[in-house]
PDB file of N, CA and C in Angstrom:
ATOM      1  N   MET A   1      83.161  91.874 100.163  1.00  0.00           N
ATOM      2  CA  MET A   1      83.780  93.367  99.432  1.00  0.00           C
ATOM      3  C   MET A   1      84.402  94.123 100.455  1.00  0.00           C
ATOM      4  N   MET A   2      83.261  94.113 101.468  1.00  0.00           N
ATOM      5  CA  MET A   2      83.644  95.510 103.203  1.00  0.00           C
ATOM      6  C   MET A   2      85.104  94.258 103.556  1.00  0.00           C
ATOM      7  N   ALA A   3      85.045  92.740 103.447  1.00  0.00           N
ATOM      8  CA  ALA A   3      85.679  92.249 104.339  1.00  0.00           C
ATOM      9  C   ALA A   3      87.245  92.414 103.475  1.00  0.00           C
ATOM     10  N   PHE A   4      87.035  91.934 101.653  1.00  0.00           N
ATOM     11  CA  PHE A   4      88.347  92.296 101.203  1.00  0.00           C
ATOM     12  C   PHE A   4      88.775  93.980 101.721  1.00  0.00           C
ATOM     13  N   LEU A   5      88.678  94.694 101.638  1.00  0.00           N
ATOM     14  CA  LEU A   5      88.870  96.383 102.012  1.00  0.00           C
ATOM     15  C   LEU A   5      89.641  96.617 103.489  1.00  0.00           C
ATOM     16  N   GLY A   6      88.673  95.637 103.973  1.00  0.00           N
ATOM     17  CA  GLY A   6      89.571  95.577 105.407  1.00  0.00           C
ATOM     18  C   GLY A   6      90.679  94.868 105.089  1.00  0.00           C
ATOM     19  N   TRP A   7      91.354  93.260 104.557  1.00  0.00           N
ATOM     20  CA  TRP A   7      92.144  93.220 104.955  1.00  0.00           C
ATOM     21  C   TRP A   7      93.675  93.600 103.738  1.00  0.00           C
ATOM     22  N   ILE A   8      92.915  94.563 102.681  1.00  0.00           N
ATOM     23  CA  ILE A   8      93.885  95.083 102.634  1.00  0.00           C
ATOM     24  C   ILE A   8      94.129  96.574 103.562  1.00  0.00           C
ATOM     25  N   VAL A   9      93.282  97.093 104.169  1.00  0.00           N
ATOM     26  CA  VAL A   9      93.702  98.048 104.802  1.00  0.00           C
ATOM     27  C   VAL A   9      94.771  97.614 106.138  1.00  0.00           C
ATOM     28  N   PHE A  10      94.630  95.923 107.181  1.00  0.00           N
ATOM     29  CA  PHE A  10      95.134  95.433 107.993  1.00  0.00           C
ATOM     30  C   PHE A  10      96.078  95.533 107.222  1.00  0.00           C
ATOM     31  N   GLY A  11      96.313  94.892 105.739  1.00  0.00           N
ATOM     32  CA  GLY A  11      97.381  94.479 105.161  1.00  0.00           C
ATOM     33  C   GLY A  11      98.600  96.081 105.415  1.00  0.00           C
ATOM     34  N   PHE A  12      98.061  96.425 104.876  1.00  0.00           N
ATOM     35  CA  PHE A  12      99.307  98.215 104.853  1.00  0.00           C
ATOM     36  C   PHE A  12      99.350  98.568 106.411  1.00  0.00           C
ATOM     37  N   VAL A  13      98.879  98.447 107.781  1.00  0.00           N
ATOM     38  CA  VAL A  13      99.268  99.254 108.277  1.00  0.00           C
ATOM     39  C   VAL A  13     100.191  98.261 109.446  1.00  0.00           C
ATOM     40  N   VAL A  14      99.926  96.036 109.524  1.00  0.00           N
ATOM     41  CA  VAL A  14     100.956  95.526 110.151  1.00  0.00           C
ATOM     42  C   VAL A  14     102.363  96.156 108.925  1.00  0.00           C
ATOM     43  N   GLY A  15     102.221  95.463 107.360  1.00  0.00           N
ATOM     44  CA  GLY A  15     103.046  95.850 107.185  1.00  0.00           C
ATOM     45  C   GLY A  15     104.195  97.407 107.221  1.00  0.00           C
ATOM     46  N   VAL A  16     103.474  98.714 107.431  1.00  0.00           N
ATOM     47  CA  VAL A  16     104.506  99.705 107.848  1.00  0.00           C
ATOM     48  C   VAL A  16     104.693  99.541 109.424  1.00  0.00           C
ATOM     49  N   ILE A  17     104.127  99.256 109.753  1.00  0.00           N
ATOM     50  CA  ILE A  17     104.486  98.712 111.442  1.00  0.00           C
ATOM     51  C   ILE A  17     105.130  97.908 111.482  1.00  0.00           C
ATOM     52  N   ALA A  18     105.888  97.179 111.043  1.00  0.00           N
ATOM     53  CA  ALA A  18     106.892  96.269 110.565  1.00  0.00           C
ATOM     54  C   ALA A  18     107.836  96.759 109.751  1.00  0.00           C
ATOM     55  N   ARG A  19     107.636  97.452 108.797  1.00  0.00           N
ATOM     56  CA  ARG A  19     108.751  98.009 108.088  1.00  0.00           C
ATOM     57  C   ARG A  19     109.738  99.179 109.191  1.00  0.00           C
ATOM     58  N   PHE A  20     108.311 100.200 109.970  1.00  0.00           N
ATOM     59  CA  PHE A  20     108.710 100.610 110.878  1.00  0.00           C
ATOM     60  C   PHE A  20     110.192 100.074 111.562  1.00  0.00           C
ATOM     61  N   LEU A  21     109.706  98.739 112.569  1.00  0.00           N
ATOM     62  CA  LEU A  21     110.925  98.188 113.365  1.00  0.00           C
ATOM     63  C   LEU A  21     111.765  97.277 112.711  1.00  0.00           C
ATOM     64  N   MET A  22     112.074  97.193 111.932  1.00  0.00           N
ATOM     65  CA  MET A  22     113.172  96.300 111.639  1.00  0.00           C
ATOM     66  C   MET A  22     114.155  97.720 111.090  1.00  0.00           C
ATOM     67  N   PRO A  23     115.702  97.323 110.838  1.00  0.00           N
ATOM     68  CA  PRO A  23     115.874  99.116 110.864  1.00  0.00           C
ATOM     69  C   PRO A  23     116.850  98.595 109.664  1.00  0.00           C
ATOM     70  N   GLY A  24     116.887  98.881 109.311  1.00  0.00           N
ATOM     71  CA  GLY A  24     116.990  99.351 106.499  1.00  0.00           C
ATOM     72  C   GLY A  24     116.128 100.272 106.336  1.00  0.00           C
ATOM     73  N   PRO A  25     116.713 100.370 105.275  1.00  0.00           N
ATOM     74  CA  PRO A  25     116.241 100.630 104.227  1.00  0.00           C
ATOM     75  C   PRO A  25     115.245  99.461 103.516  1.00  0.00           C
ATOM     76  N   HIS A  26     114.194  99.972 103.368  1.00  0.00           N
ATOM     77  CA  HIS A  26     113.193  99.068 102.618  1.00  0.00           C
ATOM     78  C   HIS A  26     112.397  99.933 100.847  1.00  0.00           C
ATOM     79  N   PRO A  27     112.794  99.523  99.807  1.00  0.00           N
ATOM     80  CA  PRO A  27     112.387 100.208  98.706  1.00  0.00           C
ATOM     81  C   PRO A  27     111.840  99.386  98.988  1.00  0.00           C
ATOM     82  N   MET A  28     110.231  99.283  99.331  1.00  0.00           N
ATOM     83  CA  MET A  28     108.939  99.060  98.538  1.00  0.00           C
ATOM     84  C   MET A  28     107.731  99.539  98.396  1.00  0.00           C
ATOM     85  N   GLY A  29     106.878  99.678  97.421  1.00  0.00           N
ATOM     86  CA  GLY A  29     106.249 100.654  98.357  1.00  0.00           C
ATOM     87  C   GLY A  29     104.586 100.255  98.094  1.00  0.00           C
ATOM     88  N   PHE A  30     103.113 100.760  97.583  1.00  0.00           N
ATOM     89  CA  PHE A  30     102.534 100.479  98.869  1.00  0.00           C
ATOM     90  C   PHE A  30     102.024  99.121  98.290  1.00  0.00           C
ATOM     91  N   ILE A  31     102.399  98.729  97.095  1.00  0.00           N
ATOM     92  CA  ILE A  31     101.183  97.451  97.232  1.00  0.00           C
ATOM     93  C   ILE A  31     101.899  96.389  97.678  1.00  0.00           C
ATOM     94  N   LEU A  32     103.674  95.940  97.570  1.00  0.00           N
ATOM     95  CA  LEU A  32     104.701  95.300  98.304  1.00  0.00           C
ATOM     96  C   LEU A  32     104.034  95.289  99.880  1.00  0.00           C
ATOM     97  N   THR A  33     104.169  97.433 100.714  1.00  0.00           N
ATOM     98  CA  THR A  33     104.043  96.735 102.134  1.00  0.00           C
ATOM     99  C   THR A  33     102.259  96.027 102.536  1.00  0.00           C
ATOM    100  N   THR A  34     101.827  96.211 101.690  1.00  0.00           N
ATOM    101  CA  THR A  34     100.277  95.778 101.772  1.00  0.00           C
ATOM    102  C   THR A  34     100.307  94.536 101.578  1.00  0.00           C
ATOM    103  N   LEU A  35     101.214  93.872 100.448  1.00  0.00           N
ATOM    104  CA  LEU A  35     101.011  92.049 100.395  1.00  0.00           C
ATOM    105  C   LEU A  35     101.615  91.823 101.473  1.00  0.00           C
ATOM    106  N   LEU A  36     102.804  92.313 102.166  1.00  0.00           N
ATOM    107  CA  LEU A  36     104.306  92.016 103.637  1.00  0.00           C
ATOM    108  C   LEU A  36     103.364  91.480 104.457  1.00  0.00           C
ATOM    109  N   GLY A  37     101.630  92.632 104.397  1.00  0.00           N
ATOM    110  CA  GLY A  37     101.354  92.811 106.241  1.00  0.00           C
ATOM    111  C   GLY A  37     100.547  91.361 105.668  1.00  0.00           C
ATOM    112  N   VAL A  38      99.735  90.996 104.968  1.00  0.00           N
ATOM    113  CA  VAL A  38      98.994  90.313 104.898  1.00  0.00           C
ATOM    114  C   VAL A  38      99.999  88.601 104.357  1.00  0.00           C
ATOM    115  N   ALA A  39      99.938  88.669 104.190  1.00  0.00           N
ATOM    116  CA  ALA A  39     101.247  88.065 103.727  1.00  0.00           C
ATOM    117  C   ALA A  39     101.329  87.553 105.545  1.00  0.00           C
ATOM    118  N   GLY A  40     102.247  88.149 106.262  1.00  0.00           N
ATOM    119  CA  GLY A  40     102.835  88.133 107.686  1.00  0.00           C
ATOM    120  C   GLY A  40     101.579  87.809 108.464  1.00  0.00           C
ATOM    121  N   SER A  41     100.716  87.990 107.951  1.00  0.00           N
ATOM    122  CA  SER A  41      99.371  88.363 109.070  1.00  0.00           C
ATOM    123  C   SER A  41      99.108  86.149 108.926  1.00  0.00           C
ATOM    124  N   PHE A  42      98.937  86.116 107.925  1.00  0.00           N
ATOM    125  CA  PHE A  42      98.725  84.847 107.560  1.00  0.00           C
ATOM    126  C   PHE A  42      99.858  83.403 108.141  1.00  0.00           C
ATOM    127  N   LEU A  43     100.874  83.835 108.010  1.00  0.00           N
ATOM    128  CA  LEU A  43     102.346  84.084 108.955  1.00  0.00           C
ATOM    129  C   LEU A  43     102.495  83.297 109.955  1.00  0.00           C
ATOM    130  N   GLY A  44     102.032  84.683 111.111  1.00  0.00           N
ATOM    131  CA  GLY A  44     101.666  84.722 112.412  1.00  0.00           C
ATOM    132  C   GLY A  44     100.723  84.353 112.760  1.00  0.00           C
ATOM    133  N   GLY A  45      99.770  84.245 112.387  1.00  0.00           N
ATOM    134  CA  GLY A  45      98.395  83.461 112.238  1.00  0.00           C
ATOM    135  C   GLY A  45      98.786  81.941 112.256  1.00  0.00           C
ATOM    136  N   TRP A  46      99.839  81.277 111.352  1.00  0.00           N
ATOM    137  CA  TRP A  46     100.116  80.011 111.487  1.00  0.00           C
ATOM    138  C   TRP A  46     100.670  79.949 112.417  1.00  0.00           C
ATOM    139  N   LEU A  47     101.993  80.597 112.764  1.00  0.00           N
ATOM    140  CA  LEU A  47     102.890  80.044 113.496  1.00  0.00           C
ATOM    141  C   LEU A  47     102.084  79.978 115.632  1.00  0.00           C
ATOM    142  N   GLY A  48     100.567  81.073 115.223  1.00  0.00           N
ATOM    143  CA  GLY A  48     100.562  81.098 116.831  1.00  0.00           C
ATOM    144  C   GLY A  48      99.934  79.965 116.926  1.00  0.00           C
ATOM    145  N   THR A  49      99.057  79.791 115.949  1.00  0.00           N
ATOM    146  CA  THR A  49      98.064  77.794 115.753  1.00  0.00           C
ATOM    147  C   THR A  49      99.109  76.884 116.527  1.00  0.00           C
ATOM    148  N   MET A  50     100.372  77.484 116.041  1.00  0.00           N
ATOM    149  CA  MET A  50     101.715  75.906 116.269  1.00  0.00           C
ATOM    150  C   MET A  50     102.193  76.243 117.437  1.00  0.00           C
ATOM    151  N   LEU A  51     101.903  77.438 118.221  1.00  0.00           N
ATOM    152  CA  LEU A  51     102.707  77.199 119.439  1.00  0.00           C
ATOM    153  C   LEU A  51     101.540  77.463 120.352  1.00  0.00           C
ATOM    154  N   HIS A  52     100.148  78.072 120.418  1.00  0.00           N
ATOM    155  CA  HIS A  52      99.515  78.347 121.155  1.00  0.00           C
ATOM    156  C   HIS A  52      98.280  77.173 121.107  1.00  0.00           C
ATOM    157  N   GLY A  53      97.964  76.926 119.769  1.00  0.00           N
ATOM    158  CA  GLY A  53      96.999  75.523 119.346  1.00  0.00           C
ATOM    159  C   GLY A  53      95.915  76.181 119.337  1.00  0.00           C
ATOM    160  N   GLY A  54      95.487  77.312 119.020  1.00  0.00           N
ATOM    161  CA  GLY A  54      93.851  78.322 118.471  1.00  0.00           C
ATOM    162  C   GLY A  54      94.178  79.132 117.433  1.00  0.00           C
ATOM    163  N   PRO A  55      94.063  79.282 116.798  1.00  0.00           N
ATOM    164  CA  PRO A  55      94.265  80.783 115.702  1.00  0.00           C
ATOM    165  C   PRO A  55      93.602  82.136 116.547  1.00  0.00           C
ATOM    166  N   ALA A  56      94.397  82.443 116.286  1.00  0.00           N
ATOM    167  CA  ALA A  56      94.419  84.509 117.219  1.00  0.00           C
ATOM    168  C   ALA A  56      93.386  85.016 116.016  1.00  0.00           C
ATOM    169  N   ASN A  57      92.717  85.520 116.404  1.00  0.00           N
ATOM    170  CA  ASN A  57      91.505  86.712 115.950  1.00  0.00           C
ATOM    171  C   ASN A  57      92.059  87.809 115.895  1.00  0.00           C
ATOM    172  N   ILE A  58      91.860  88.680 114.650  1.00  0.00           N
ATOM    173  CA  ILE A  58      92.649  90.141 114.378  1.00  0.00           C
ATOM    174  C   ILE A  58      91.853  91.699 114.992  1.00  0.00           C
ATOM    175  N   ALA A  59      91.253  90.899 115.916  1.00  0.00           N
ATOM    176  CA  ALA A  59      90.408  91.778 117.319  1.00  0.00           C
ATOM    177  C   ALA A  59      91.246  91.651 118.765  1.00  0.00           C
ATOM    178  N   GLU A  60      91.682  91.268 118.105  1.00  0.00           N
ATOM    179  CA  GLU A  60      92.677  91.319 120.033  1.00  0.00           C
ATOM    180  C   GLU A  60      93.836  91.624 119.559  1.00  0.00           C
ATOM    181  N   PRO A  61      95.170  91.712 121.486  1.00  0.00           N
ATOM    182  CA  PRO A  61      95.281  92.163 120.602  1.00  0.00           C
ATOM    183  C   PRO A  61      97.003  91.007 119.953  1.00  0.00           C
ATOM    184  N   SER A  62      96.504  90.150 120.588  1.00  0.00           N
ATOM    185  CA  SER A  62      97.415  88.486 120.292  1.00  0.00           C
ATOM    186  C   SER A  62      97.709  88.190 118.226  1.00  0.00           C
ATOM    187  N   GLY A  63      96.518  89.072 117.860  1.00  0.00           N
ATOM    188  CA  GLY A  63      95.998  88.596 116.324  1.00  0.00           C
ATOM    189  C   GLY A  63      97.111  89.955 116.372  1.00  0.00           C
ATOM    190  N   TRP A  64      97.341  91.430 116.134  1.00  0.00           N
ATOM    191  CA  TRP A  64      98.071  92.133 115.426  1.00  0.00           C
ATOM    192  C   TRP A  64      99.353  92.162 115.718  1.00  0.00           C
ATOM    193  N   ILE A  65      99.772  91.547 117.523  1.00  0.00           N
ATOM    194  CA  ILE A  65     101.593  91.508 117.630  1.00  0.00           C
ATOM    195  C   ILE A  65     101.963  90.435 116.572  1.00  0.00           C
ATOM    196  N   GLY A  66     100.866  88.925 116.331  1.00  0.00           N
ATOM    197  CA  GLY A  66     101.278  87.551 115.598  1.00  0.00           C
ATOM    198  C   GLY A  66     101.745  88.747 114.002  1.00  0.00           C
ATOM    199  N   SER A  67     100.456  89.065 113.495  1.00  0.00           N
ATOM    200  CA  SER A  67     100.736  89.914 112.518  1.00  0.00           C
ATOM    201  C   SER A  67     102.170  90.355 112.193  1.00  0.00           C
ATOM    202  N   ILE A  68     102.008  91.131 112.760  1.00  0.00           N
ATOM    203  CA  ILE A  68     103.282  92.588 113.205  1.00  0.00           C
ATOM    204  C   ILE A  68     104.494  90.953 113.055  1.00  0.00           C
ATOM    205  N   ILE A  69     104.506  90.223 114.474  1.00  0.00           N
ATOM    206  CA  ILE A  69     105.810  89.251 113.939  1.00  0.00           C
ATOM    207  C   ILE A  69     106.325  88.807 112.547  1.00  0.00           C
ATOM    208  N   GLY A  70     105.106  88.274 112.122  1.00  0.00           N
ATOM    209  CA  GLY A  70     105.382  86.584 110.415  1.00  0.00           C
ATOM    210  C   GLY A  70     105.767  88.305 109.462  1.00  0.00           C
ATOM    211  N   ALA A  71     105.263  89.283 109.677  1.00  0.00           N
ATOM    212  CA  ALA A  71     105.121  90.812 108.801  1.00  0.00           C
ATOM    213  C   ALA A  71     107.083  90.829 109.045  1.00  0.00           C
ATOM    214  N   ALA A  72     107.869  91.203 110.362  1.00  0.00           N
ATOM    215  CA  ALA A  72     108.599  90.820 110.194  1.00  0.00           C
ATOM    216  C   ALA A  72     109.797  90.221 109.374  1.00  0.00           C
ATOM    217  N   LEU A  73     109.178  88.611 109.456  1.00  0.00           N
ATOM    218  CA  LEU A  73     109.925  87.463 109.671  1.00  0.00           C
ATOM    219  C   LEU A  73     110.085  87.321 108.530  1.00  0.00           C
ATOM    220  N   LEU A  74     109.365  87.583 108.031  1.00  0.00           N
ATOM    221  CA  LEU A  74     108.962  87.883 105.616  1.00  0.00           C
ATOM    222  C   LEU A  74     110.383  88.680 105.086  1.00  0.00           C
ATOM    223  N   LEU A  75     110.024  89.720 106.357  1.00  0.00           N
ATOM    224  CA  LEU A  75     110.771  91.527 106.033  1.00  0.00           C
ATOM    225  C   LEU A  75     111.968  91.419 105.866  1.00  0.00           C
ATOM    226  N   PHE A  76     112.298  90.889 107.024  1.00  0.00           N
ATOM    227  CA  PHE A  76     114.125  90.207 107.479  1.00  0.00           C
ATOM    228  C   PHE A  76     114.028  88.747 106.068  1.00  0.00           C
ATOM    229  N   ALA A  77     113.479  87.757 106.006  1.00  0.00           N
ATOM    230  CA  ALA A  77     113.942  87.002 104.340  1.00  0.00           C
ATOM    231  C   ALA A  77     113.893  87.529 103.569  1.00  0.00           C
ATOM    232  N   TYR A  78     113.211  88.943 102.923  1.00  0.00           N
ATOM    233  CA  TYR A  78     112.867  89.063 101.589  1.00  0.00           C
ATOM    234  C   TYR A  78     114.414  90.183 101.553  1.00  0.00           C
ATOM    235  N   GLY A  79     114.620  91.251 102.223  1.00  0.00           N
ATOM    236  CA  GLY A  79     115.923  91.795 102.378  1.00  0.00           C
ATOM    237  C   GLY A  79     116.956  90.641 102.125  1.00  0.00           C
ATOM    238  N   PHE A  80     117.440  90.269 103.365  1.00  0.00           N
ATOM    239  CA  PHE A  80     118.408  88.550 102.946  1.00  0.00           C
ATOM    240  C   PHE A  80     118.250  87.257 101.324  1.00  0.00           C
ATOM    241  N   MET A  81     117.314  88.382 100.818  1.00  0.00           N
ATOM    242  CA  MET A  81     117.418  87.398  99.580  1.00  0.00           C
ATOM    243  C   MET A  81     117.745  88.623  98.588  1.00  0.00           C
ATOM    244  N   ARG A  82     117.236  89.608  98.702  1.00  0.00           N
ATOM    245  CA  ARG A  82     117.547  90.669  98.131  1.00  0.00           C
ATOM    246  C   ARG A  82     118.998  91.495  98.305  1.00  0.00           C
ATOM    247  N   LYS A  83     120.081  90.919  98.705  1.00  0.00           N
ATOM    248  CA  LYS A  83     121.606  90.694  99.751  1.00  0.00           C
ATOM    249  C   LYS A  83     122.153  89.754  98.589  1.00  0.00           C
ATOM    250  N   ARG A  84     121.370  88.004  98.639  1.00  0.00           N
ATOM    251  CA  ARG A  84     122.546  87.516  97.581  1.00  0.00           C
ATOM    252  C   ARG A  84     122.406  87.445  97.042  1.00  0.00           C
ATOM    253  N   ALA A  85     121.076  87.925  95.925  1.00  0.00           N
ATOM    254  CA  ALA A  85     121.258  87.994  94.556  1.00  0.00           C
ATOM    255  C   ALA A  85     121.763  89.296  93.936  1.00  0.00           C
TER     256      ALA A  85
END
């Protein structure tokens, strides 16, 4: 149960940081911000594994940076798809 709550908190923090770094308005609430951060963490981990060869640990700075980059990429794609619809 604590690991699940940890992922929620981690996802929210990563999502908030990604939203802060990306320009423009991002109308989404707590749940979408958290999902953005968690999905971005998985994307960042996958990209890190493809580029570096090994998974990053979220306790290390590279894990946080990869998660934020992944969340920013997802936020960019989300904004692009919203504009097209």
